[in-house]
Amino acid sequence: MDVIRNQPGSTLTEILETPATTQQEVDHDTDMVSRAKKDSKTPEEMKDNQSMVKDAQLPLEQKKRKIQRNLRTLEQMGHVSSKNKYQDILNEIAKDIRNQRIHRKLRKAELAKLQQTLKALNKKAAFYEDQINYYDTYIKTCLDNLKIKNSRRSIKMDGKGELKGAKRAKPVKYTAAKLHEKGVLLGIDDLQTNQFKNVTFDIISTEDVGIFDVKSKFLGVDMEKVQLNIQDLLEMQYEGIAVMKMFDKVKVNVNLLIYLLNKKFYGK
């Protein structure tokens, strides 16, 4: 390929039998210096063998003479023929170049797929890390709730064998207008923004970890209770679901709802 690149011709025989000009020798030397610099950055296990490296350093005319000797040897073995000006070997070289390009494309596609897989794994790892942080915060909050505020008092057991004073977090109450102001509530079907002040929500922490009851009153009418599971909300967050509905009509921002629950009930 070095010979064909630096000394073009209509056939391989013509190229090999026509003496190289001084300029062609200079261009060839320049190409070889450039290749040597590039090869110096190649890992050892991927470098060409020493014989090929040594051949690459030969002057253009010496390369041509060596190619001619090798072609005669191949012709004696019946692999090529001078009658068709060694077209067979040129076809094989072209096929090899084409296969190398295909191989590079396949490697590029495989690398892109691996990078995509790594990105997905990193995203999942971040999701599980968020879950661990959530449960760590929850456990810490539970332990804090069991601490005695007054060091003079001792922990007493009630008749059911439970610790007195280990209270659940107090319920929080918001109007739809306030939640809309915080960005948690995005909208309510068939209800104008100026009516949000007439809609209330009570969020109550249950005895089950991460489970909350939500009671609502729309324009004075009590709605059926809705239950929120922090695990489901975190799953939505991981899957990229930004908006969910409550009571079949209330649109809320999932990320900000998780933030609100953590802040109000776990002090996070």
C-alpha atoms as a PDB file:
ATOM      1  CA  MET A   1       0.000   0.000   0.000  1.00  0.00           C
ATOM      2  CA  ASP A   2       2.899   2.380   0.707  1.00  0.00           C
ATOM      3  CA  VAL A   3       4.158   1.882  -2.856  1.00  0.00           C
ATOM      4  CA  ILE A   4       0.760   2.378  -4.499  1.00  0.00           C
ATOM      5  CA  ARG A   5       0.057   5.442  -2.365  1.00  0.00           C
ATOM      6  CA  ASN A   6       3.319   7.195  -3.251  1.00  0.00           C
ATOM      7  CA  GLN A   7       3.692   6.045  -6.859  1.00  0.00           C
ATOM      8  CA  PRO A   8       0.332   5.704  -8.628  1.00  0.00           C
ATOM      9  CA  GLY A   9      -0.081   3.811 -11.890  1.00  0.00           C
ATOM     10  CA  SER A  10      -2.657   2.004 -14.018  1.00  0.00           C
ATOM     11  CA  THR A  11      -1.400  -1.490 -13.046  1.00  0.00           C
ATOM     12  CA  LEU A  12       0.768  -2.989 -10.334  1.00  0.00           C
ATOM     13  CA  THR A  13       3.279  -4.145 -12.962  1.00  0.00           C
ATOM     14  CA  GLU A  14       3.615  -0.593 -14.300  1.00  0.00           C
ATOM     15  CA  ILE A  15       4.168   0.794 -10.797  1.00  0.00           C
ATOM     16  CA  LEU A  16       6.821  -1.781  -9.920  1.00  0.00           C
ATOM     17  CA  GLU A  17       8.729  -1.457 -13.201  1.00  0.00           C
ATOM     18  CA  THR A  18       8.690   2.365 -13.387  1.00  0.00           C
ATOM     19  CA  PRO A  19      11.535   4.012 -11.400  1.00  0.00           C
ATOM     20  CA  ALA A  20      10.381   6.292  -8.582  1.00  0.00           C
ATOM     21  CA  THR A  21      11.087   9.997  -8.946  1.00  0.00           C
ATOM     22  CA  THR A  22      13.019  11.974  -6.366  1.00  0.00           C
ATOM     23  CA  GLN A  23       9.809  13.676  -5.216  1.00  0.00           C
ATOM     24  CA  GLN A  24       8.054  10.331  -4.805  1.00  0.00           C
ATOM     25  CA  GLU A  25      10.929   9.098  -2.627  1.00  0.00           C
ATOM     26  CA  VAL A  26      10.697  12.285  -0.515  1.00  0.00           C
ATOM     27  CA  ASP A  27       6.915  11.910  -0.130  1.00  0.00           C
ATOM     28  CA  HIS A  28       7.389   8.273   0.848  1.00  0.00           C
ATOM     29  CA  ASP A  29       9.990   9.173   3.500  1.00  0.00           C
ATOM     30  CA  THR A  30       7.648  11.835   4.918  1.00  0.00           C
ATOM     31  CA  ASP A  31       4.813   9.300   5.175  1.00  0.00           C
ATOM     32  CA  MET A  32       7.063   6.794   6.945  1.00  0.00           C
ATOM     33  CA  VAL A  33       8.200   9.380   9.518  1.00  0.00           C
ATOM     34  CA  SER A  34       4.571  10.301  10.186  1.00  0.00           C
ATOM     35  CA  ARG A  35       3.646   6.631  10.605  1.00  0.00           C
ATOM     36  CA  ALA A  36       6.554   6.046  12.998  1.00  0.00           C
ATOM     37  CA  LYS A  37       5.314   8.870  15.243  1.00  0.00           C
ATOM     38  CA  LYS A  38       1.815   7.415  15.204  1.00  0.00           C
ATOM     39  CA  ASP A  39       3.073   3.888  15.923  1.00  0.00           C
ATOM     40  CA  SER A  40       5.085   5.130  18.912  1.00  0.00           C
ATOM     41  CA  LYS A  41       1.772   5.874  20.661  1.00  0.00           C
ATOM     42  CA  THR A  42       0.354   2.414  19.933  1.00  0.00           C
ATOM     43  CA  PRO A  43       0.316  -0.113  22.833  1.00  0.00           C
ATOM     44  CA  GLU A  44       3.020  -2.784  22.515  1.00  0.00           C
ATOM     45  CA  GLU A  45       0.538  -5.643  22.181  1.00  0.00           C
ATOM     46  CA  MET A  46      -1.094  -3.926  19.180  1.00  0.00           C
ATOM     47  CA  LYS A  47       2.090  -3.049  17.266  1.00  0.00           C
ATOM     48  CA  ASP A  48       3.185  -4.800  14.067  1.00  0.00           C
ATOM     49  CA  ASN A  49       5.946  -7.413  14.283  1.00  0.00           C
ATOM     50  CA  GLN A  50       9.558  -6.277  13.912  1.00  0.00           C
ATOM     51  CA  SER A  51       9.894  -7.702  10.390  1.00  0.00           C
ATOM     52  CA  MET A  52       7.040  -5.531   9.118  1.00  0.00           C
ATOM     53  CA  VAL A  53       8.429  -2.494  10.929  1.00  0.00           C
ATOM     54  CA  LYS A  54      11.839  -3.064   9.330  1.00  0.00           C
ATOM     55  CA  ASP A  55      10.315  -3.427   5.840  1.00  0.00           C
ATOM     56  CA  ALA A  56       8.350  -0.201   6.318  1.00  0.00           C
ATOM     57  CA  GLN A  57      11.618   1.698   6.833  1.00  0.00           C
ATOM     58  CA  LEU A  58      13.030   0.680   3.426  1.00  0.00           C
ATOM     59  CA  PRO A  59      13.299   3.320   0.651  1.00  0.00           C
ATOM     60  CA  LEU A  60      10.576   3.219  -1.988  1.00  0.00           C
ATOM     61  CA  GLU A  61      12.714   1.553  -4.692  1.00  0.00           C
ATOM     62  CA  GLN A  62      13.949  -1.145  -2.315  1.00  0.00           C
ATOM     63  CA  LYS A  63      10.375  -1.894  -1.297  1.00  0.00           C
ATOM     64  CA  LYS A  64       9.415  -2.296  -4.947  1.00  0.00           C
ATOM     65  CA  ARG A  65      12.271  -4.740  -5.591  1.00  0.00           C
ATOM     66  CA  LYS A  66      11.309  -6.807  -2.552  1.00  0.00           C
ATOM     67  CA  ILE A  67       7.679  -6.873  -3.698  1.00  0.00           C
ATOM     68  CA  GLN A  68       8.788  -8.102  -7.132  1.00  0.00           C
ATOM     69  CA  ARG A  69      10.782 -10.945  -5.551  1.00  0.00           C
ATOM     70  CA  ASN A  70       7.834 -11.937  -3.371  1.00  0.00           C
ATOM     71  CA  LEU A  71       5.445 -11.836  -6.338  1.00  0.00           C
ATOM     72  CA  ARG A  72       7.712 -14.178  -8.322  1.00  0.00           C
ATOM     73  CA  THR A  73       7.726 -16.583  -5.371  1.00  0.00           C
ATOM     74  CA  LEU A  74       3.926 -16.444  -5.110  1.00  0.00           C
ATOM     75  CA  GLU A  75       3.600 -16.986  -8.862  1.00  0.00           C
ATOM     76  CA  GLN A  76       5.797 -20.091  -8.687  1.00  0.00           C
ATOM     77  CA  MET A  77       3.449 -21.385  -5.985  1.00  0.00           C
ATOM     78  CA  GLY A  78       0.439 -20.686  -8.217  1.00  0.00           C
ATOM     79  CA  HIS A  79      -1.139 -17.988  -6.026  1.00  0.00           C
ATOM     80  CA  VAL A  80      -0.793 -15.067  -8.480  1.00  0.00           C
ATOM     81  CA  SER A  81      -0.169 -14.551 -12.189  1.00  0.00           C
ATOM     82  CA  SER A  82       1.821 -11.922 -14.056  1.00  0.00           C
ATOM     83  CA  LYS A  83      -0.439 -12.532 -17.070  1.00  0.00           C
ATOM     84  CA  ASN A  84      -3.237 -10.496 -15.461  1.00  0.00           C
ATOM     85  CA  LYS A  85      -0.701  -8.040 -13.999  1.00  0.00           C
ATOM     86  CA  TYR A  86      -1.161  -9.492 -10.490  1.00  0.00           C
ATOM     87  CA  GLN A  87      -4.779  -8.319 -10.353  1.00  0.00           C
ATOM     88  CA  ASP A  88      -5.667 -11.204  -8.016  1.00  0.00           C
ATOM     89  CA  ILE A  89      -3.506  -9.909  -5.198  1.00  0.00           C
ATOM     90  CA  LEU A  90      -4.834  -6.369  -5.679  1.00  0.00           C
ATOM     91  CA  ASN A  91      -8.355  -7.747  -5.338  1.00  0.00           C
ATOM     92  CA  GLU A  92      -7.349  -9.493  -2.099  1.00  0.00           C
ATOM     93  CA  ILE A  93      -5.814  -6.284  -0.747  1.00  0.00           C
ATOM     94  CA  ALA A  94      -8.994  -4.351  -1.595  1.00  0.00           C
ATOM     95  CA  LYS A  95     -11.093  -7.027   0.117  1.00  0.00           C
ATOM     96  CA  ASP A  96      -8.887  -6.858   3.209  1.00  0.00           C
ATOM     97  CA  ILE A  97      -9.237  -3.056   3.386  1.00  0.00           C
ATOM     98  CA  ARG A  98     -13.017  -3.350   3.052  1.00  0.00           C
ATOM     99  CA  ASN A  99     -13.159  -5.964   5.819  1.00  0.00           C
ATOM    100  CA  GLN A 100     -11.072  -3.736   8.083  1.00  0.00           C
ATOM    101  CA  ARG A 101     -13.553  -0.887   7.592  1.00  0.00           C
ATOM    102  CA  ILE A 102     -16.472  -3.188   8.388  1.00  0.00           C
ATOM    103  CA  HIS A 103     -14.635  -4.424  11.476  1.00  0.00           C
ATOM    104  CA  ARG A 104     -14.020  -0.839  12.637  1.00  0.00           C
ATOM    105  CA  LYS A 105     -17.719  -0.009  12.207  1.00  0.00           C
ATOM    106  CA  LEU A 106     -18.710  -3.093  14.203  1.00  0.00           C
ATOM    107  CA  ARG A 107     -16.254  -2.199  16.958  1.00  0.00           C
ATOM    108  CA  LYS A 108     -17.589   1.363  17.040  1.00  0.00           C
ATOM    109  CA  ALA A 109     -21.185   0.117  17.318  1.00  0.00           C
ATOM    110  CA  GLU A 110     -20.201  -2.344  20.049  1.00  0.00           C
ATOM    111  CA  LEU A 111     -18.388   0.398  21.967  1.00  0.00           C
ATOM    112  CA  ALA A 112     -21.451   2.670  21.740  1.00  0.00           C
ATOM    113  CA  LYS A 113     -23.628  -0.160  23.061  1.00  0.00           C
ATOM    114  CA  LEU A 114     -21.253  -0.790  25.969  1.00  0.00           C
ATOM    115  CA  GLN A 115     -21.218   2.920  26.810  1.00  0.00           C
ATOM    116  CA  GLN A 116     -25.024   2.955  26.783  1.00  0.00           C
ATOM    117  CA  THR A 117     -25.096  -0.079  29.089  1.00  0.00           C
ATOM    118  CA  LEU A 118     -22.608   1.574  31.453  1.00  0.00           C
ATOM    119  CA  LYS A 119     -24.732   4.729  31.528  1.00  0.00           C
ATOM    120  CA  ALA A 120     -27.833   2.687  32.403  1.00  0.00           C
ATOM    121  CA  LEU A 121     -25.948   0.840  35.156  1.00  0.00           C
ATOM    122  CA  ASN A 122     -24.666   4.116  36.615  1.00  0.00           C
ATOM    123  CA  LYS A 123     -28.206   5.490  36.576  1.00  0.00           C
ATOM    124  CA  LYS A 124     -29.526   2.405  38.355  1.00  0.00           C
ATOM    125  CA  ALA A 125     -26.687   2.576  40.892  1.00  0.00           C
ATOM    126  CA  ALA A 126     -27.598   6.204  41.627  1.00  0.00           C
ATOM    127  CA  PHE A 127     -31.245   5.165  42.072  1.00  0.00           C
ATOM    128  CA  TYR A 128     -30.340   2.466  44.607  1.00  0.00           C
ATOM    129  CA  GLU A 129     -28.030   4.884  46.385  1.00  0.00           C
ATOM    130  CA  ASP A 130     -30.959   7.305  46.745  1.00  0.00           C
ATOM    131  CA  GLN A 131     -33.039   4.488  48.226  1.00  0.00           C
ATOM    132  CA  ILE A 132     -30.286   3.634  50.712  1.00  0.00           C
ATOM    133  CA  ASN A 133     -30.034   7.299  51.724  1.00  0.00           C
ATOM    134  CA  TYR A 134     -33.799   7.440  52.168  1.00  0.00           C
ATOM    135  CA  TYR A 135     -33.885   4.385  54.446  1.00  0.00           C
ATOM    136  CA  ASP A 136     -30.844   5.611  56.378  1.00  0.00           C
ATOM    137  CA  THR A 137     -32.672   8.873  57.007  1.00  0.00           C
ATOM    138  CA  TYR A 138     -35.847   7.062  57.989  1.00  0.00           C
ATOM    139  CA  ILE A 139     -34.032   4.805  60.478  1.00  0.00           C
ATOM    140  CA  LYS A 140     -32.193   7.783  61.957  1.00  0.00           C
ATOM    141  CA  THR A 141     -35.505   9.608  62.362  1.00  0.00           C
ATOM    142  CA  CYS A 142     -37.047   6.608  64.106  1.00  0.00           C
ATOM    143  CA  LEU A 143     -34.108   6.423  66.500  1.00  0.00           C
ATOM    144  CA  ASP A 144     -34.293  10.154  67.169  1.00  0.00           C
ATOM    145  CA  ASN A 145     -37.980   9.816  67.994  1.00  0.00           C
ATOM    146  CA  LEU A 146     -37.102   7.207  70.627  1.00  0.00           C
ATOM    147  CA  LYS A 147     -34.694   9.504  72.452  1.00  0.00           C
ATOM    148  CA  ILE A 148     -35.868  10.947  75.737  1.00  0.00           C
ATOM    149  CA  LYS A 149     -36.191  14.710  75.491  1.00  0.00           C
ATOM    150  CA  ASN A 150     -35.866  15.108  79.230  1.00  0.00           C
ATOM    151  CA  SER A 151     -32.796  13.316  80.579  1.00  0.00           C
ATOM    152  CA  ARG A 152     -34.392  13.103  84.022  1.00  0.00           C
ATOM    153  CA  ARG A 153     -37.256  10.994  82.784  1.00  0.00           C
ATOM    154  CA  SER A 154     -36.848   7.283  82.240  1.00  0.00           C
ATOM    155  CA  ILE A 155     -38.436   5.312  79.443  1.00  0.00           C
ATOM    156  CA  LYS A 156     -41.661   3.690  80.571  1.00  0.00           C
ATOM    157  CA  MET A 157     -43.658   0.925  79.013  1.00  0.00           C
ATOM    158  CA  ASP A 158     -47.405   1.151  78.666  1.00  0.00           C
ATOM    159  CA  GLY A 159     -49.762  -1.747  79.229  1.00  0.00           C
ATOM    160  CA  LYS A 160     -49.213  -3.017  75.684  1.00  0.00           C
ATOM    161  CA  GLY A 161     -45.445  -3.203  76.105  1.00  0.00           C
ATOM    162  CA  GLU A 162     -44.800  -0.215  73.829  1.00  0.00           C
ATOM    163  CA  LEU A 163     -42.561   2.764  74.469  1.00  0.00           C
ATOM    164  CA  LYS A 164     -44.386   5.875  75.527  1.00  0.00           C
ATOM    165  CA  GLY A 165     -43.442   9.020  73.702  1.00  0.00           C
ATOM    166  CA  ALA A 166     -42.427   7.300  70.456  1.00  0.00           C
ATOM    167  CA  LYS A 167     -44.844   9.334  68.396  1.00  0.00           C
ATOM    168  CA  ARG A 168     -45.337   9.418  64.681  1.00  0.00           C
ATOM    169  CA  ALA A 169     -44.702  12.630  62.808  1.00  0.00           C
ATOM    170  CA  LYS A 170     -47.597  15.042  62.938  1.00  0.00           C
ATOM    171  CA  PRO A 171     -49.860  15.274  59.878  1.00  0.00           C
ATOM    172  CA  VAL A 172     -49.310  18.235  57.593  1.00  0.00           C
ATOM    173  CA  LYS A 173     -52.050  20.215  55.927  1.00  0.00           C
ATOM    174  CA  TYR A 174     -51.849  22.302  52.765  1.00  0.00           C
ATOM    175  CA  THR A 175     -54.223  24.093  50.488  1.00  0.00           C
ATOM    176  CA  ALA A 176     -53.949  23.344  46.787  1.00  0.00           C
ATOM    177  CA  ALA A 177     -52.909  26.971  46.334  1.00  0.00           C
ATOM    178  CA  LYS A 178     -49.923  26.493  48.676  1.00  0.00           C
ATOM    179  CA  LEU A 179     -48.826  23.263  46.975  1.00  0.00           C
ATOM    180  CA  HIS A 180     -49.183  24.983  43.607  1.00  0.00           C
ATOM    181  CA  GLU A 181     -46.991  27.803  44.868  1.00  0.00           C
ATOM    182  CA  LYS A 182     -44.337  25.248  45.912  1.00  0.00           C
ATOM    183  CA  GLY A 183     -44.502  23.616  42.488  1.00  0.00           C
ATOM    184  CA  VAL A 184     -45.708  20.294  43.911  1.00  0.00           C
ATOM    185  CA  LEU A 185     -49.217  20.624  42.503  1.00  0.00           C
ATOM    186  CA  LEU A 186     -49.316  21.350  38.784  1.00  0.00           C
ATOM    187  CA  GLY A 187     -53.044  21.480  38.172  1.00  0.00           C
ATOM    188  CA  ILE A 188     -56.493  20.092  38.950  1.00  0.00           C
ATOM    189  CA  ASP A 189     -58.819  18.960  36.182  1.00  0.00           C
ATOM    190  CA  ASP A 190     -61.873  21.189  35.675  1.00  0.00           C
ATOM    191  CA  LEU A 191     -60.744  23.625  38.364  1.00  0.00           C
ATOM    192  CA  GLN A 192     -59.393  27.134  37.887  1.00  0.00           C
ATOM    193  CA  THR A 193     -56.295  28.303  39.743  1.00  0.00           C
ATOM    194  CA  ASN A 194     -58.262  30.905  41.695  1.00  0.00           C
ATOM    195  CA  GLN A 195     -60.305  28.066  43.254  1.00  0.00           C
ATOM    196  CA  PHE A 196     -57.239  26.180  44.597  1.00  0.00           C
ATOM    197  CA  LYS A 197     -57.630  27.932  47.963  1.00  0.00           C
ATOM    198  CA  ASN A 198     -60.867  25.962  48.462  1.00  0.00           C
ATOM    199  CA  VAL A 199     -59.115  22.588  48.127  1.00  0.00           C
ATOM    200  CA  THR A 200     -57.189  21.098  51.066  1.00  0.00           C
ATOM    201  CA  PHE A 201     -54.874  18.123  51.502  1.00  0.00           C
ATOM    202  CA  ASP A 202     -53.973  16.330  54.746  1.00  0.00           C
ATOM    203  CA  ILE A 203     -50.856  14.139  54.537  1.00  0.00           C
ATOM    204  CA  ILE A 204     -50.574  11.587  57.338  1.00  0.00           C
ATOM    205  CA  SER A 205     -47.659   9.246  58.070  1.00  0.00           C
ATOM    206  CA  THR A 206     -48.854   5.685  58.752  1.00  0.00           C
ATOM    207  CA  GLU A 207     -47.263   3.013  60.928  1.00  0.00           C
ATOM    208  CA  ASP A 208     -45.822   1.349  57.823  1.00  0.00           C
ATOM    209  CA  VAL A 209     -42.431   2.546  56.618  1.00  0.00           C
ATOM    210  CA  GLY A 210     -42.732   5.075  53.811  1.00  0.00           C
ATOM    211  CA  ILE A 211     -46.532   4.848  53.528  1.00  0.00           C
ATOM    212  CA  PHE A 212     -48.655   8.019  53.715  1.00  0.00           C
ATOM    213  CA  ASP A 213     -52.409   8.571  53.712  1.00  0.00           C
ATOM    214  CA  VAL A 214     -53.627  11.623  51.822  1.00  0.00           C
ATOM    215  CA  LYS A 215     -57.071  13.025  52.578  1.00  0.00           C
ATOM    216  CA  SER A 216     -58.544  15.807  50.509  1.00  0.00           C
ATOM    217  CA  LYS A 217     -61.534  18.083  50.522  1.00  0.00           C
ATOM    218  CA  PHE A 218     -62.685  19.613  47.222  1.00  0.00           C
ATOM    219  CA  LEU A 219     -64.879  22.679  47.656  1.00  0.00           C
ATOM    220  CA  GLY A 220     -66.150  21.302  50.977  1.00  0.00           C
ATOM    221  CA  VAL A 221     -66.642  17.743  49.711  1.00  0.00           C
ATOM    222  CA  ASP A 222     -64.518  14.960  51.256  1.00  0.00           C
ATOM    223  CA  MET A 223     -62.729  12.809  48.697  1.00  0.00           C
ATOM    224  CA  GLU A 224     -61.825   9.158  49.061  1.00  0.00           C
ATOM    225  CA  LYS A 225     -58.480   8.658  50.829  1.00  0.00           C
ATOM    226  CA  VAL A 226     -55.392   8.065  48.656  1.00  0.00           C
ATOM    227  CA  GLN A 227     -52.280   6.233  49.824  1.00  0.00           C
ATOM    228  CA  LEU A 228     -48.748   7.173  48.765  1.00  0.00           C
ATOM    229  CA  ASN A 229     -45.823   4.744  48.865  1.00  0.00           C
ATOM    230  CA  ILE A 230     -42.412   6.425  48.871  1.00  0.00           C
ATOM    231  CA  GLN A 231     -40.980   3.308  47.187  1.00  0.00           C
ATOM    232  CA  ASP A 232     -43.376   3.745  44.247  1.00  0.00           C
ATOM    233  CA  LEU A 233     -42.482   7.424  44.005  1.00  0.00           C
ATOM    234  CA  LEU A 234     -38.755   6.645  43.941  1.00  0.00           C
ATOM    235  CA  GLU A 235     -39.376   4.052  41.225  1.00  0.00           C
ATOM    236  CA  MET A 236     -41.215   6.672  39.152  1.00  0.00           C
ATOM    237  CA  GLN A 237     -38.329   9.070  39.675  1.00  0.00           C
ATOM    238  CA  TYR A 238     -35.850   6.435  38.466  1.00  0.00           C
ATOM    239  CA  GLU A 239     -37.957   5.693  35.376  1.00  0.00           C
ATOM    240  CA  GLY A 240     -38.082   9.396  34.519  1.00  0.00           C
ATOM    241  CA  ILE A 241     -41.799   9.836  35.230  1.00  0.00           C
ATOM    242  CA  ALA A 242     -42.073  13.517  36.143  1.00  0.00           C
ATOM    243  CA  VAL A 243     -45.837  13.840  36.681  1.00  0.00           C
ATOM    244  CA  MET A 244     -48.433  11.610  38.361  1.00  0.00           C
ATOM    245  CA  LYS A 245     -52.128  11.934  39.210  1.00  0.00           C
ATOM    246  CA  MET A 246     -53.881  11.675  42.573  1.00  0.00           C
ATOM    247  CA  PHE A 247     -57.633  11.419  43.044  1.00  0.00           C
ATOM    248  CA  ASP A 248     -57.805  10.922  39.238  1.00  0.00           C
ATOM    249  CA  LYS A 249     -57.662  14.672  38.718  1.00  0.00           C
ATOM    250  CA  VAL A 250     -54.760  16.208  40.661  1.00  0.00           C
ATOM    251  CA  LYS A 251     -51.479  16.452  38.735  1.00  0.00           C
ATOM    252  CA  VAL A 252     -48.368  16.568  40.929  1.00  0.00           C
ATOM    253  CA  ASN A 253     -44.625  16.840  40.338  1.00  0.00           C
ATOM    254  CA  VAL A 254     -43.082  13.523  41.466  1.00  0.00           C
ATOM    255  CA  ASN A 255     -39.641  14.918  42.355  1.00  0.00           C
ATOM    256  CA  LEU A 256     -41.013  17.807  44.404  1.00  0.00           C
ATOM    257  CA  LEU A 257     -43.526  15.532  46.140  1.00  0.00           C
ATOM    258  CA  ILE A 258     -40.669  13.248  47.270  1.00  0.00           C
ATOM    259  CA  TYR A 259     -38.758  16.319  48.455  1.00  0.00           C
ATOM    260  CA  LEU A 260     -41.788  17.547  50.419  1.00  0.00           C
ATOM    261  CA  LEU A 261     -42.342  14.191  52.138  1.00  0.00           C
ATOM    262  CA  ASN A 262     -38.669  13.859  53.072  1.00  0.00           C
ATOM    263  CA  LYS A 263     -38.506  17.395  54.405  1.00  0.00           C
ATOM    264  CA  LYS A 264     -41.724  17.304  56.426  1.00  0.00           C
ATOM    265  CA  PHE A 265     -41.555  13.774  57.818  1.00  0.00           C
ATOM    266  CA  TYR A 266     -37.867  12.876  57.900  1.00  0.00           C
ATOM    267  CA  GLY A 267     -36.177  16.241  58.175  1.00  0.00           C
ATOM    268  CA  LYS A 268     -34.110  15.537  55.034  1.00  0.00           C
END
